[in-house]
Amino acid sequence: DQVGLDVLLNKKGTKWRKFSPEQQAEILSRHHNTLQALHDNTSMIKRPVLVSDSQILVGFDESSYQQLKG
């Protein structure tokens, strides 16, 4: 709930690209479909996912990581 599914979904990965445009549209059409796709295909979750007391970071971003170190 704190991070949108659109943020977690790795659309650049090979697994996502293997889906047809119709399948991709179906996955994105409903929240439940996206959750199920991520559950069934965990490689489609953007990594890394870092959780701190104050925020959740998804994907690699050097400047955001430096801010976490504080």
PDB file of N, CA and C in Angstrom:
ATOM      1  N   ASP A   1       0.815  -1.205   0.000  1.00  0.00           N
ATOM      2  CA  ASP A   1       0.000   0.000   0.000  1.00  0.00           C
ATOM      3  C   ASP A   1       0.859   1.270   0.000  1.00  0.00           C
ATOM      4  N   GLN A   2       2.064   1.182   0.562  1.00  0.00           N
ATOM      5  CA  GLN A   2       2.916   2.366   0.651  1.00  0.00           C
ATOM      6  C   GLN A   2       3.640   2.669  -0.651  1.00  0.00           C
ATOM      7  N   VAL A   3       3.805   1.652  -1.481  1.00  0.00           N
ATOM      8  CA  VAL A   3       4.460   1.817  -2.776  1.00  0.00           C
ATOM      9  C   VAL A   3       3.502   1.293  -3.831  1.00  0.00           C
ATOM     10  N   GLY A   4       3.235   2.089  -4.821  1.00  0.00           N
ATOM     11  CA  GLY A   4       2.304   1.675  -5.864  1.00  0.00           C
ATOM     12  C   GLY A   4       2.806   0.481  -6.658  1.00  0.00           C
ATOM     13  N   LEU A   5       1.868  -0.315  -7.150  1.00  0.00           N
ATOM     14  CA  LEU A   5       2.238  -1.480  -7.944  1.00  0.00           C
ATOM     15  C   LEU A   5       2.961  -1.070  -9.217  1.00  0.00           C
ATOM     16  N   ASP A   6       2.639   0.107  -9.739  1.00  0.00           N
ATOM     17  CA  ASP A   6       3.328   0.593 -10.937  1.00  0.00           C
ATOM     18  C   ASP A   6       4.803   0.841 -10.658  1.00  0.00           C
ATOM     19  N   VAL A   7       5.137   1.130  -9.398  1.00  0.00           N
ATOM     20  CA  VAL A   7       6.535   1.322  -9.009  1.00  0.00           C
ATOM     21  C   VAL A   7       7.226  -0.032  -8.870  1.00  0.00           C
ATOM     22  N   LEU A   8       6.544  -1.005  -8.308  1.00  0.00           N
ATOM     23  CA  LEU A   8       7.140  -2.326  -8.087  1.00  0.00           C
ATOM     24  C   LEU A   8       7.300  -3.149  -9.352  1.00  0.00           C
ATOM     25  N   LEU A   9       6.441  -2.939 -10.320  1.00  0.00           N
ATOM     26  CA  LEU A   9       6.447  -3.746 -11.531  1.00  0.00           C
ATOM     27  C   LEU A   9       7.611  -3.351 -12.436  1.00  0.00           C
ATOM     28  N   ASN A  10       8.496  -4.304 -12.700  1.00  0.00           N
ATOM     29  CA  ASN A  10       9.652  -4.074 -13.555  1.00  0.00           C
ATOM     30  C   ASN A  10       9.267  -4.323 -15.012  1.00  0.00           C
ATOM     31  N   LYS A  11       8.974  -3.251 -15.714  1.00  0.00           N
ATOM     32  CA  LYS A  11       8.549  -3.362 -17.110  1.00  0.00           C
ATOM     33  C   LYS A  11       9.728  -3.447 -18.070  1.00  0.00           C
ATOM     34  N   LYS A  12      10.943  -3.345 -17.550  1.00  0.00           N
ATOM     35  CA  LYS A  12      12.129  -3.434 -18.404  1.00  0.00           C
ATOM     36  C   LYS A  12      12.696  -4.850 -18.447  1.00  0.00           C
ATOM     37  N   GLY A  13      12.205  -5.722 -17.590  1.00  0.00           N
ATOM     38  CA  GLY A  13      12.735  -7.069 -17.496  1.00  0.00           C
ATOM     39  C   GLY A  13      12.269  -7.984 -18.618  1.00  0.00           C
ATOM     40  N   THR A  14      12.994  -9.071 -18.802  1.00  0.00           N
ATOM     41  CA  THR A  14      12.671 -10.003 -19.879  1.00  0.00           C
ATOM     42  C   THR A  14      11.335 -10.693 -19.654  1.00  0.00           C
ATOM     43  N   LYS A  15      10.990 -10.987 -18.421  1.00  0.00           N
ATOM     44  CA  LYS A  15       9.715 -11.654 -18.151  1.00  0.00           C
ATOM     45  C   LYS A  15       8.545 -10.800 -18.630  1.00  0.00           C
ATOM     46  N   TRP A  16       8.556  -9.518 -18.319  1.00  0.00           N
ATOM     47  CA  TRP A  16       7.484  -8.613 -18.736  1.00  0.00           C
ATOM     48  C   TRP A  16       7.412  -8.529 -20.257  1.00  0.00           C
ATOM     49  N   ARG A  17       8.575  -8.447 -20.891  1.00  0.00           N
ATOM     50  CA  ARG A  17       8.605  -8.309 -22.353  1.00  0.00           C
ATOM     51  C   ARG A  17       8.126  -9.571 -23.059  1.00  0.00           C
ATOM     52  N   LYS A  18       8.140 -10.715 -22.377  1.00  0.00           N
ATOM     53  CA  LYS A  18       7.653 -11.958 -22.980  1.00  0.00           C
ATOM     54  C   LYS A  18       6.130 -11.988 -23.090  1.00  0.00           C
ATOM     55  N   PHE A  19       5.459 -11.173 -22.289  1.00  0.00           N
ATOM     56  CA  PHE A  19       4.004 -11.098 -22.376  1.00  0.00           C
ATOM     57  C   PHE A  19       3.610 -10.317 -23.626  1.00  0.00           C
ATOM     58  N   SER A  20       2.539 -10.732 -24.259  1.00  0.00           N
ATOM     59  CA  SER A  20       2.030  -9.992 -25.414  1.00  0.00           C
ATOM     60  C   SER A  20       1.452  -8.659 -24.925  1.00  0.00           C
ATOM     61  N   PRO A  21       1.294  -7.689 -25.822  1.00  0.00           N
ATOM     62  CA  PRO A  21       0.676  -6.421 -25.417  1.00  0.00           C
ATOM     63  C   PRO A  21      -0.708  -6.628 -24.797  1.00  0.00           C
ATOM     64  N   GLU A  22      -1.445  -7.598 -25.283  1.00  0.00           N
ATOM     65  CA  GLU A  22      -2.768  -7.881 -24.716  1.00  0.00           C
ATOM     66  C   GLU A  22      -2.646  -8.405 -23.282  1.00  0.00           C
ATOM     67  N   GLN A  23      -1.679  -9.295 -23.057  1.00  0.00           N
ATOM     68  CA  GLN A  23      -1.466  -9.824 -21.706  1.00  0.00           C
ATOM     69  C   GLN A  23      -0.996  -8.714 -20.768  1.00  0.00           C
ATOM     70  N   GLN A  24      -0.116  -7.865 -21.245  1.00  0.00           N
ATOM     71  CA  GLN A  24       0.354  -6.749 -20.427  1.00  0.00           C
ATOM     72  C   GLN A  24      -0.808  -5.840 -20.039  1.00  0.00           C
ATOM     73  N   ALA A  25      -1.662  -5.549 -20.993  1.00  0.00           N
ATOM     74  CA  ALA A  25      -2.825  -4.696 -20.714  1.00  0.00           C
ATOM     75  C   ALA A  25      -3.735  -5.339 -19.686  1.00  0.00           C
ATOM     76  N   GLU A  26      -3.936  -6.642 -19.777  1.00  0.00           N
ATOM     77  CA  GLU A  26      -4.775  -7.360 -18.809  1.00  0.00           C
ATOM     78  C   GLU A  26      -4.167  -7.310 -17.414  1.00  0.00           C
ATOM     79  N   ILE A  27      -2.858  -7.486 -17.330  1.00  0.00           N
ATOM     80  CA  ILE A  27      -2.176  -7.426 -16.035  1.00  0.00           C
ATOM     81  C   ILE A  27      -2.351  -6.050 -15.408  1.00  0.00           C
ATOM     82  N   LEU A  28      -2.234  -5.014 -16.220  1.00  0.00           N
ATOM     83  CA  LEU A  28      -2.316  -3.642 -15.712  1.00  0.00           C
ATOM     84  C   LEU A  28      -3.745  -3.158 -15.496  1.00  0.00           C
ATOM     85  N   SER A  29      -4.724  -3.884 -16.015  1.00  0.00           N
ATOM     86  CA  SER A  29      -6.096  -3.397 -15.997  1.00  0.00           C
ATOM     87  C   SER A  29      -6.723  -3.381 -14.607  1.00  0.00           C
ATOM     88  N   ARG A  30      -6.291  -4.279 -13.749  1.00  0.00           N
ATOM     89  CA  ARG A  30      -6.893  -4.354 -12.417  1.00  0.00           C
ATOM     90  C   ARG A  30      -5.811  -4.610 -11.376  1.00  0.00           C
ATOM     91  N   HIS A  31      -5.966  -3.996 -10.228  1.00  0.00           N
ATOM     92  CA  HIS A  31      -5.030  -4.139  -9.104  1.00  0.00           C
ATOM     93  C   HIS A  31      -4.799  -5.610  -8.788  1.00  0.00           C
ATOM     94  N   HIS A  32      -5.878  -6.383  -8.744  1.00  0.00           N
ATOM     95  CA  HIS A  32      -5.771  -7.812  -8.423  1.00  0.00           C
ATOM     96  C   HIS A  32      -4.925  -8.543  -9.463  1.00  0.00           C
ATOM     97  N   ASN A  33      -5.103  -8.213 -10.733  1.00  0.00           N
ATOM     98  CA  ASN A  33      -4.330  -8.857 -11.794  1.00  0.00           C
ATOM     99  C   ASN A  33      -2.833  -8.577 -11.636  1.00  0.00           C
ATOM    100  N   THR A  34      -2.503  -7.350 -11.298  1.00  0.00           N
ATOM    101  CA  THR A  34      -1.099  -6.979 -11.125  1.00  0.00           C
ATOM    102  C   THR A  34      -0.499  -7.706  -9.938  1.00  0.00           C
ATOM    103  N   LEU A  35      -1.227  -7.736  -8.821  1.00  0.00           N
ATOM    104  CA  LEU A  35      -0.747  -8.465  -7.638  1.00  0.00           C
ATOM    105  C   LEU A  35      -0.525  -9.942  -7.945  1.00  0.00           C
ATOM    106  N   GLN A  36      -1.455 -10.534  -8.657  1.00  0.00           N
ATOM    107  CA  GLN A  36      -1.339 -11.959  -8.988  1.00  0.00           C
ATOM    108  C   GLN A  36      -0.135 -12.195  -9.895  1.00  0.00           C
ATOM    109  N   ALA A  37       0.064 -11.320 -10.863  1.00  0.00           N
ATOM    110  CA  ALA A  37       1.204 -11.460 -11.772  1.00  0.00           C
ATOM    111  C   ALA A  37       2.523 -11.356 -11.012  1.00  0.00           C
ATOM    112  N   LEU A  38       2.612 -10.413 -10.074  1.00  0.00           N
ATOM    113  CA  LEU A  38       3.830 -10.271  -9.273  1.00  0.00           C
ATOM    114  C   LEU A  38       4.028 -11.481  -8.371  1.00  0.00           C
ATOM    115  N   HIS A  39       2.954 -12.022  -7.844  1.00  0.00           N
ATOM    116  CA  HIS A  39       3.032 -13.215  -7.001  1.00  0.00           C
ATOM    117  C   HIS A  39       3.510 -14.415  -7.808  1.00  0.00           C
ATOM    118  N   ASP A  40       2.981 -14.566  -9.006  1.00  0.00           N
ATOM    119  CA  ASP A  40       3.316 -15.708  -9.845  1.00  0.00           C
ATOM    120  C   ASP A  40       4.671 -15.574 -10.534  1.00  0.00           C
ATOM    121  N   ASN A  41       5.133 -14.355 -10.696  1.00  0.00           N
ATOM    122  CA  ASN A  41       6.375 -14.082 -11.426  1.00  0.00           C
ATOM    123  C   ASN A  41       7.208 -13.091 -10.624  1.00  0.00           C
ATOM    124  N   THR A  42       7.813 -13.563  -9.556  1.00  0.00           N
ATOM    125  CA  THR A  42       8.523 -12.651  -8.652  1.00  0.00           C
ATOM    126  C   THR A  42       9.685 -11.927  -9.324  1.00  0.00           C
ATOM    127  N   SER A  43      10.156 -12.449 -10.450  1.00  0.00           N
ATOM    128  CA  SER A  43      11.225 -11.757 -11.166  1.00  0.00           C
ATOM    129  C   SER A  43      10.737 -10.436 -11.765  1.00  0.00           C
ATOM    130  N   MET A  44       9.433 -10.217 -11.781  1.00  0.00           N
ATOM    131  CA  MET A  44       8.888  -8.961 -12.293  1.00  0.00           C
ATOM    132  C   MET A  44       8.839  -7.873 -11.219  1.00  0.00           C
ATOM    133  N   ILE A  45       9.314  -8.170 -10.023  1.00  0.00           N
ATOM    134  CA  ILE A  45       9.382  -7.153  -8.968  1.00  0.00           C
ATOM    135  C   ILE A  45      10.712  -6.416  -9.113  1.00  0.00           C
ATOM    136  N   LYS A  46      10.617  -5.109  -9.229  1.00  0.00           N
ATOM    137  CA  LYS A  46      11.812  -4.280  -9.362  1.00  0.00           C
ATOM    138  C   LYS A  46      12.646  -4.429  -8.095  1.00  0.00           C
ATOM    139  N   ARG A  47      13.942  -4.556  -8.268  1.00  0.00           N
ATOM    140  CA  ARG A  47      14.843  -4.745  -7.141  1.00  0.00           C
ATOM    141  C   ARG A  47      15.956  -3.714  -7.189  1.00  0.00           C
ATOM    142  N   PRO A  48      16.564  -3.452  -6.052  1.00  0.00           N
ATOM    143  CA  PRO A  48      16.225  -3.909  -4.717  1.00  0.00           C
ATOM    144  C   PRO A  48      15.053  -3.122  -4.140  1.00  0.00           C
ATOM    145  N   VAL A  49      14.470  -3.676  -3.105  1.00  0.00           N
ATOM    146  CA  VAL A  49      13.441  -2.987  -2.325  1.00  0.00           C
ATOM    147  C   VAL A  49      14.027  -2.812  -0.930  1.00  0.00           C
ATOM    148  N   LEU A  50      14.262  -1.566  -0.533  1.00  0.00           N
ATOM    149  CA  LEU A  50      14.822  -1.263   0.777  1.00  0.00           C
ATOM    150  C   LEU A  50      13.752  -0.606   1.638  1.00  0.00           C
ATOM    151  N   VAL A  51      13.624  -1.105   2.847  1.00  0.00           N
ATOM    152  CA  VAL A  51      12.624  -0.580   3.776  1.00  0.00           C
ATOM    153  C   VAL A  51      13.350  -0.006   4.977  1.00  0.00           C
ATOM    154  N   SER A  52      13.099   1.266   5.279  1.00  0.00           N
ATOM    155  CA  SER A  52      13.639   1.898   6.470  1.00  0.00           C
ATOM    156  C   SER A  52      12.469   2.360   7.330  1.00  0.00           C
ATOM    157  N   ASP A  53      12.774   2.951   8.444  1.00  0.00           N
ATOM    158  CA  ASP A  53      11.713   3.453   9.330  1.00  0.00           C
ATOM    159  C   ASP A  53      10.896   4.553   8.657  1.00  0.00           C
ATOM    160  N   SER A  54      11.538   5.300   7.755  1.00  0.00           N
ATOM    161  CA  SER A  54      10.869   6.473   7.202  1.00  0.00           C
ATOM    162  C   SER A  54      10.410   6.323   5.754  1.00  0.00           C
ATOM    163  N   GLN A  55      10.949   5.339   5.027  1.00  0.00           N
ATOM    164  CA  GLN A  55      10.571   5.254   3.617  1.00  0.00           C
ATOM    165  C   GLN A  55      10.859   3.882   3.031  1.00  0.00           C
ATOM    166  N   ILE A  56      10.338   3.681   1.836  1.00  0.00           N
ATOM    167  CA  ILE A  56      10.595   2.469   1.065  1.00  0.00           C
ATOM    168  C   ILE A  56      11.183   2.907  -0.263  1.00  0.00           C
ATOM    169  N   LEU A  57      12.333   2.354  -0.600  1.00  0.00           N
ATOM    170  CA  LEU A  57      12.985   2.661  -1.872  1.00  0.00           C
ATOM    171  C   LEU A  57      12.903   1.440  -2.769  1.00  0.00           C
ATOM    172  N   VAL A  58      12.533   1.670  -4.023  1.00  0.00           N
ATOM    173  CA  VAL A  58      12.418   0.586  -4.995  1.00  0.00           C
ATOM    174  C   VAL A  58      13.331   0.906  -6.161  1.00  0.00           C
ATOM    175  N   GLY A  59      14.189  -0.045  -6.505  1.00  0.00           N
ATOM    176  CA  GLY A  59      15.157   0.163  -7.575  1.00  0.00           C
ATOM    177  C   GLY A  59      16.379   0.875  -7.041  1.00  0.00           C
ATOM    178  N   PHE A  60      17.445   0.816  -7.808  1.00  0.00           N
ATOM    179  CA  PHE A  60      18.703   1.413  -7.357  1.00  0.00           C
ATOM    180  C   PHE A  60      18.760   2.889  -7.700  1.00  0.00           C
ATOM    181  N   ASP A  61      19.023   3.702  -6.687  1.00  0.00           N
ATOM    182  CA  ASP A  61      19.208   5.143  -6.861  1.00  0.00           C
ATOM    183  C   ASP A  61      20.247   5.596  -5.831  1.00  0.00           C
ATOM    184  N   GLU A  62      21.454   5.849  -6.304  1.00  0.00           N
ATOM    185  CA  GLU A  62      22.589   6.169  -5.435  1.00  0.00           C
ATOM    186  C   GLU A  62      22.288   7.327  -4.486  1.00  0.00           C
ATOM    187  N   SER A  63      21.699   8.415  -4.994  1.00  0.00           N
ATOM    188  CA  SER A  63      21.451   9.582  -4.137  1.00  0.00           C
ATOM    189  C   SER A  63      20.446   9.263  -3.037  1.00  0.00           C
ATOM    190  N   SER A  64      19.431   8.474  -3.341  1.00  0.00           N
ATOM    191  CA  SER A  64      18.453   8.090  -2.315  1.00  0.00           C
ATOM    192  C   SER A  64      19.103   7.217  -1.254  1.00  0.00           C
ATOM    193  N   TYR A  65      20.012   6.338  -1.671  1.00  0.00           N
ATOM    194  CA  TYR A  65      20.711   5.474  -0.724  1.00  0.00           C
ATOM    195  C   TYR A  65      21.585   6.303   0.210  1.00  0.00           C
ATOM    196  N   GLN A  66      22.244   7.323  -0.345  1.00  0.00           N
ATOM    197  CA  GLN A  66      23.086   8.188   0.477  1.00  0.00           C
ATOM    198  C   GLN A  66      22.250   8.926   1.532  1.00  0.00           C
ATOM    199  N   GLN A  67      21.036   9.323   1.152  1.00  0.00           N
ATOM    200  CA  GLN A  67      20.155  10.003   2.104  1.00  0.00           C
ATOM    201  C   GLN A  67      19.745   9.066   3.225  1.00  0.00           C
ATOM    202  N   LEU A  68      19.568   7.779   2.918  1.00  0.00           N
ATOM    203  CA  LEU A  68      19.244   6.817   3.966  1.00  0.00           C
ATOM    204  C   LEU A  68      20.357   6.701   4.991  1.00  0.00           C
ATOM    205  N   LYS A  69      21.601   6.754   4.523  1.00  0.00           N
ATOM    206  CA  LYS A  69      22.744   6.667   5.430  1.00  0.00           C
ATOM    207  C   LYS A  69      22.787   7.870   6.358  1.00  0.00           C
ATOM    208  N   GLY A  70      22.190   8.977   5.873  1.00  0.00           N
ATOM    209  CA  GLY A  70      22.005  10.169   6.657  1.00  0.00           C
ATOM    210  C   GLY A  70      23.195  10.920   7.004  1.00  0.00           C
TER     211      GLY A  70
END
